[in-house]
N, C-alpha and C. Protein backbone atom coordinates (compact mmCIF):
# COMPACT_ATOMS: atom_id res chain seq x y z
N MET A 1 166.35 73.56 113.11
CA MET A 1 165.07 73.95 113.50
C MET A 1 165.11 75.04 114.48
N GLY A 2 165.65 75.05 115.58
CA GLY A 2 165.64 75.80 116.58
C GLY A 2 164.81 75.72 117.86
N TRP A 3 165.13 76.45 118.67
CA TRP A 3 164.18 76.66 120.00
C TRP A 3 162.96 77.54 119.63
N GLY A 4 161.92 77.26 120.27
CA GLY A 4 160.57 77.96 120.29
C GLY A 4 159.42 77.18 119.47
N ILE A 5 158.50 78.31 119.44
CA ILE A 5 157.21 77.81 118.92
C ILE A 5 157.25 78.36 117.14
N HIS A 6 156.87 77.49 116.51
CA HIS A 6 156.84 77.77 114.94
C HIS A 6 155.29 77.60 114.86
N PHE A 7 155.25 78.76 113.78
CA PHE A 7 153.76 79.14 113.27
C PHE A 7 153.76 78.66 111.69
N GLY A 8 153.99 78.13 111.13
CA GLY A 8 153.94 77.49 110.04
C GLY A 8 154.78 78.27 108.79
N ARG A 9 154.69 78.58 107.68
CA ARG A 9 155.34 79.40 106.78
C ARG A 9 155.60 80.63 107.22
N PHE A 10 154.40 81.15 107.59
CA PHE A 10 154.42 82.71 107.73
C PHE A 10 154.86 83.05 108.92
N GLY A 11 155.34 82.24 109.90
CA GLY A 11 155.66 82.81 111.18
C GLY A 11 154.58 83.36 111.89
N GLY A 12 155.05 84.36 112.76
CA GLY A 12 153.71 85.06 113.75
C GLY A 12 152.88 85.96 112.87
N LEU A 13 153.38 86.28 111.66
CA LEU A 13 152.22 86.64 110.68
C LEU A 13 150.96 85.90 110.38
N GLY A 14 150.93 84.68 110.53
CA GLY A 14 149.83 83.81 109.99
C GLY A 14 149.18 83.98 111.13
N MET A 15 149.54 83.95 112.56
CA MET A 15 148.55 84.31 113.53
C MET A 15 147.87 85.58 113.51
N LEU A 16 148.66 86.69 113.24
CA LEU A 16 148.20 88.13 113.02
C LEU A 16 147.02 88.20 112.33
N PHE A 17 147.26 87.36 110.97
CA PHE A 17 146.15 87.52 109.93
C PHE A 17 144.82 86.82 110.27
N GLY A 18 145.41 85.55 111.16
CA GLY A 18 143.99 84.82 111.20
C GLY A 18 143.29 85.37 112.41
N GLY A 19 143.85 86.37 113.42
CA GLY A 19 143.13 87.05 114.25
C GLY A 19 142.46 88.13 113.37
N LEU A 20 142.93 88.89 112.61
CA LEU A 20 142.19 89.89 112.01
C LEU A 20 141.29 89.48 111.08
N LEU A 21 141.30 88.26 110.51
CA LEU A 21 140.33 87.98 109.72
C LEU A 21 139.25 87.40 110.55
N MET A 22 139.26 86.80 111.83
CA MET A 22 138.14 86.56 112.66
C MET A 22 137.43 87.71 113.19
N LEU A 23 138.23 88.93 113.51
CA LEU A 23 137.67 90.01 113.90
C LEU A 23 136.82 90.76 112.79
N LEU A 24 137.52 90.64 111.56
CA LEU A 24 136.39 91.22 110.50
C LEU A 24 135.52 90.34 110.19
N PHE A 25 135.39 89.13 110.39
CA PHE A 25 134.02 88.45 110.35
C PHE A 25 133.22 88.90 111.25
N TRP A 26 133.42 88.89 112.66
CA TRP A 26 132.60 89.27 113.80
C TRP A 26 131.89 90.32 113.41
N VAL A 27 132.96 91.54 113.18
CA VAL A 27 132.33 92.86 112.72
C VAL A 27 131.18 93.01 111.84
N GLY A 28 131.82 92.39 110.67
CA GLY A 28 130.96 92.49 109.35
C GLY A 28 129.56 91.76 109.79
N LEU A 29 129.47 90.40 110.43
CA LEU A 29 128.38 89.94 110.78
C LEU A 29 127.30 91.19 111.84
N ILE A 30 128.03 91.56 112.89
CA ILE A 30 127.26 92.49 113.48
C ILE A 30 126.61 93.64 112.59
N VAL A 31 127.79 94.14 111.86
CA VAL A 31 127.10 95.32 111.04
C VAL A 31 125.91 95.03 110.22
N LEU A 32 126.05 93.78 109.51
CA LEU A 32 124.88 93.29 108.82
C LEU A 32 123.42 92.99 109.64
N VAL A 33 123.70 92.27 110.80
CA VAL A 33 122.49 92.34 111.88
C VAL A 33 121.94 93.81 111.71
N VAL A 34 122.75 94.75 112.16
CA VAL A 34 122.27 96.41 112.62
C VAL A 34 121.49 96.76 111.59
N PHE A 35 121.99 96.60 110.34
CA PHE A 35 121.40 97.14 108.90
C PHE A 35 120.23 96.47 108.80
N ALA A 36 120.11 95.13 109.02
CA ALA A 36 118.80 94.29 108.63
C ALA A 36 117.56 94.66 109.85
N VAL A 37 118.22 95.05 110.91
CA VAL A 37 117.07 95.55 111.95
C VAL A 37 116.85 97.25 111.65
N ARG A 38 117.61 97.91 111.28
CA ARG A 38 117.20 99.19 110.80
C ARG A 38 116.28 99.52 109.66
N ALA A 39 116.60 98.43 108.61
CA ALA A 39 115.78 98.59 107.38
C ALA A 39 114.54 97.83 107.66
N LEU A 40 114.70 96.75 108.73
CA LEU A 40 112.97 96.45 109.03
C LEU A 40 112.12 97.35 109.70
N VAL A 41 112.83 98.20 110.74
CA VAL A 41 112.08 99.32 111.25
C VAL A 41 111.84 100.42 110.67
N ARG A 42 112.56 100.78 109.71
CA ARG A 42 112.47 101.86 108.65
C ARG A 42 111.29 101.54 107.87
N SER A 43 111.24 100.17 107.27
CA SER A 43 109.97 100.05 106.37
C SER A 43 108.60 100.10 107.28
N GLY A 44 108.42 100.45 108.41
CA GLY A 44 107.34 100.56 108.95
C GLY A 44 106.63 99.25 109.53
N ARG A 45 107.31 98.01 109.06
CA ARG A 45 106.67 96.88 109.26
C ARG A 45 107.02 96.33 110.63
N GLY A 46 108.24 96.54 111.10
CA GLY A 46 108.52 96.16 112.58
C GLY A 46 108.41 94.71 112.60
N TRP A 47 107.95 94.41 113.84
CA TRP A 47 107.84 93.02 114.07
C TRP A 47 106.36 92.60 114.20
N HIS A 48 105.60 93.09 113.29
CA HIS A 48 104.19 92.91 113.31
C HIS A 48 103.63 91.36 113.14
N THR A 49 102.93 90.83 113.51
CA THR A 49 102.55 89.40 113.05
C THR A 49 101.70 89.62 112.08
N TRP A 50 101.24 88.61 111.16
CA TRP A 50 100.32 88.98 110.18
C TRP A 50 99.13 89.45 110.68
N SER A 51 98.37 89.16 111.69
CA SER A 51 97.05 89.55 112.18
C SER A 51 96.96 90.88 112.42
N GLU A 52 98.36 91.63 112.79
CA GLU A 52 98.34 92.94 113.02
C GLU A 52 98.62 93.92 112.04
N ALA A 53 99.02 93.21 110.79
CA ALA A 53 99.27 94.15 109.77
C ALA A 53 98.13 94.87 109.22
N PRO A 54 98.56 96.07 108.75
CA PRO A 54 97.48 97.10 108.52
C PRO A 54 96.87 96.70 107.29
N ARG A 55 95.55 96.78 107.18
CA ARG A 55 94.83 96.15 105.96
C ARG A 55 95.19 97.12 104.72
N PRO A 56 95.34 96.92 103.44
CA PRO A 56 95.73 97.84 102.36
C PRO A 56 95.01 99.04 102.20
N GLY A 57 93.56 99.02 102.46
CA GLY A 57 93.00 100.42 102.28
C GLY A 57 92.79 101.08 103.30
N SER A 58 93.32 100.51 104.74
CA SER A 58 93.28 101.56 105.78
C SER A 58 93.52 103.04 105.68
N LYS A 59 95.01 103.03 104.99
CA LYS A 59 95.49 104.27 104.85
C LYS A 59 94.54 105.32 104.16
N ALA A 60 93.89 104.71 102.96
CA ALA A 60 93.19 105.53 102.18
C ALA A 60 92.16 105.98 103.05
N LEU A 61 91.30 105.12 103.67
CA LEU A 61 90.24 105.23 104.71
C LEU A 61 90.43 106.32 105.52
N ASP A 62 91.67 106.26 106.13
CA ASP A 62 92.14 107.48 107.17
C ASP A 62 92.41 108.52 106.58
N VAL A 63 92.71 108.73 105.35
CA VAL A 63 92.63 110.19 104.56
C VAL A 63 91.55 110.64 104.25
N LEU A 64 90.51 109.67 103.73
CA LEU A 64 89.30 109.93 103.57
C LEU A 64 88.62 110.50 104.78
N LYS A 65 88.70 109.92 106.09
CA LYS A 65 88.14 110.39 107.14
C LYS A 65 88.44 111.79 107.30
N GLU A 66 89.89 112.09 107.29
CA GLU A 66 90.34 113.42 107.76
C GLU A 66 89.78 114.44 106.92
N ARG A 67 89.51 114.23 105.31
CA ARG A 67 89.23 115.05 104.55
C ARG A 67 87.61 115.51 104.99
N TYR A 68 86.81 114.40 105.47
CA TYR A 68 85.61 114.71 105.80
C TYR A 68 85.39 115.33 106.94
N ALA A 69 86.34 115.28 108.11
CA ALA A 69 86.49 116.03 109.30
C ALA A 69 86.66 117.25 109.02
N ARG A 70 87.86 117.57 108.07
CA ARG A 70 88.20 119.03 107.74
C ARG A 70 86.96 119.86 107.07
N GLY A 71 86.14 118.92 106.75
CA GLY A 71 85.21 119.66 105.81
C GLY A 71 85.34 119.92 104.37
N GLU A 72 86.21 119.21 103.98
CA GLU A 72 86.47 119.23 102.25
C GLU A 72 85.75 118.66 101.54
N ILE A 73 85.03 117.53 102.05
CA ILE A 73 84.20 116.84 101.26
C ILE A 73 82.62 116.70 102.10
N THR A 74 81.86 116.61 101.31
CA THR A 74 80.39 116.36 101.92
C THR A 74 80.12 115.02 102.56
N LYS A 75 79.13 114.65 103.19
CA LYS A 75 78.65 113.48 103.72
C LYS A 75 78.27 112.30 102.34
N GLU A 76 77.53 112.88 101.42
CA GLU A 76 77.31 112.30 100.12
C GLU A 76 78.49 111.90 99.46
N GLN A 77 79.59 112.81 99.40
CA GLN A 77 80.76 112.44 98.96
C GLN A 77 81.75 111.33 99.41
N TYR A 78 81.56 111.44 100.90
CA TYR A 78 82.46 110.66 101.87
C TYR A 78 81.80 109.27 101.57
N ASP A 79 80.82 109.29 101.76
CA ASP A 79 79.80 107.69 101.45
C ASP A 79 80.03 107.07 100.29
N GLN A 80 80.10 107.86 99.18
CA GLN A 80 80.12 107.51 97.75
C GLN A 80 81.89 106.94 97.65
N MET A 81 82.65 107.72 98.25
CA MET A 81 84.25 107.38 98.30
C MET A 81 84.67 106.00 99.18
N ARG A 82 84.04 106.16 100.12
CA ARG A 82 84.02 104.80 101.09
C ARG A 82 83.48 103.57 100.41
N LYS A 83 82.26 103.84 99.97
CA LYS A 83 81.85 102.67 98.93
C LYS A 83 82.73 102.32 97.90
N ASP A 84 83.46 103.10 97.26
CA ASP A 84 84.32 102.93 96.08
C ASP A 84 85.71 102.18 96.55
N LEU A 85 86.06 102.60 97.89
CA LEU A 85 87.18 101.97 98.36
C LEU A 85 86.46 100.45 99.05
N ASP A 86 85.40 99.97 98.79
CA ASP A 86 84.88 98.67 99.21
C ASP A 86 85.21 98.48 100.70
N VAL A 87 84.83 99.35 101.59
CA VAL A 87 85.25 99.22 103.05
C VAL A 87 84.10 99.08 103.73
């Protein structure tokens, strides 16, 4: 046998590969969390609660209001389109 510490069949390489695998695991986990957070933020949803989530028709209504404010549509057209949106 001999003197010193034995690291099994692979000697010191077993410890080296074990350490590298542990490092790769933690780096991979951190990268996964970063990508998940970035995807969540880019989707525009962020960390809103369900009560804070925008209504489905609110964007269409915003566009309609902008068109009316710019004078692209008349009051009658605005009222009809708003009615069509069921807002």
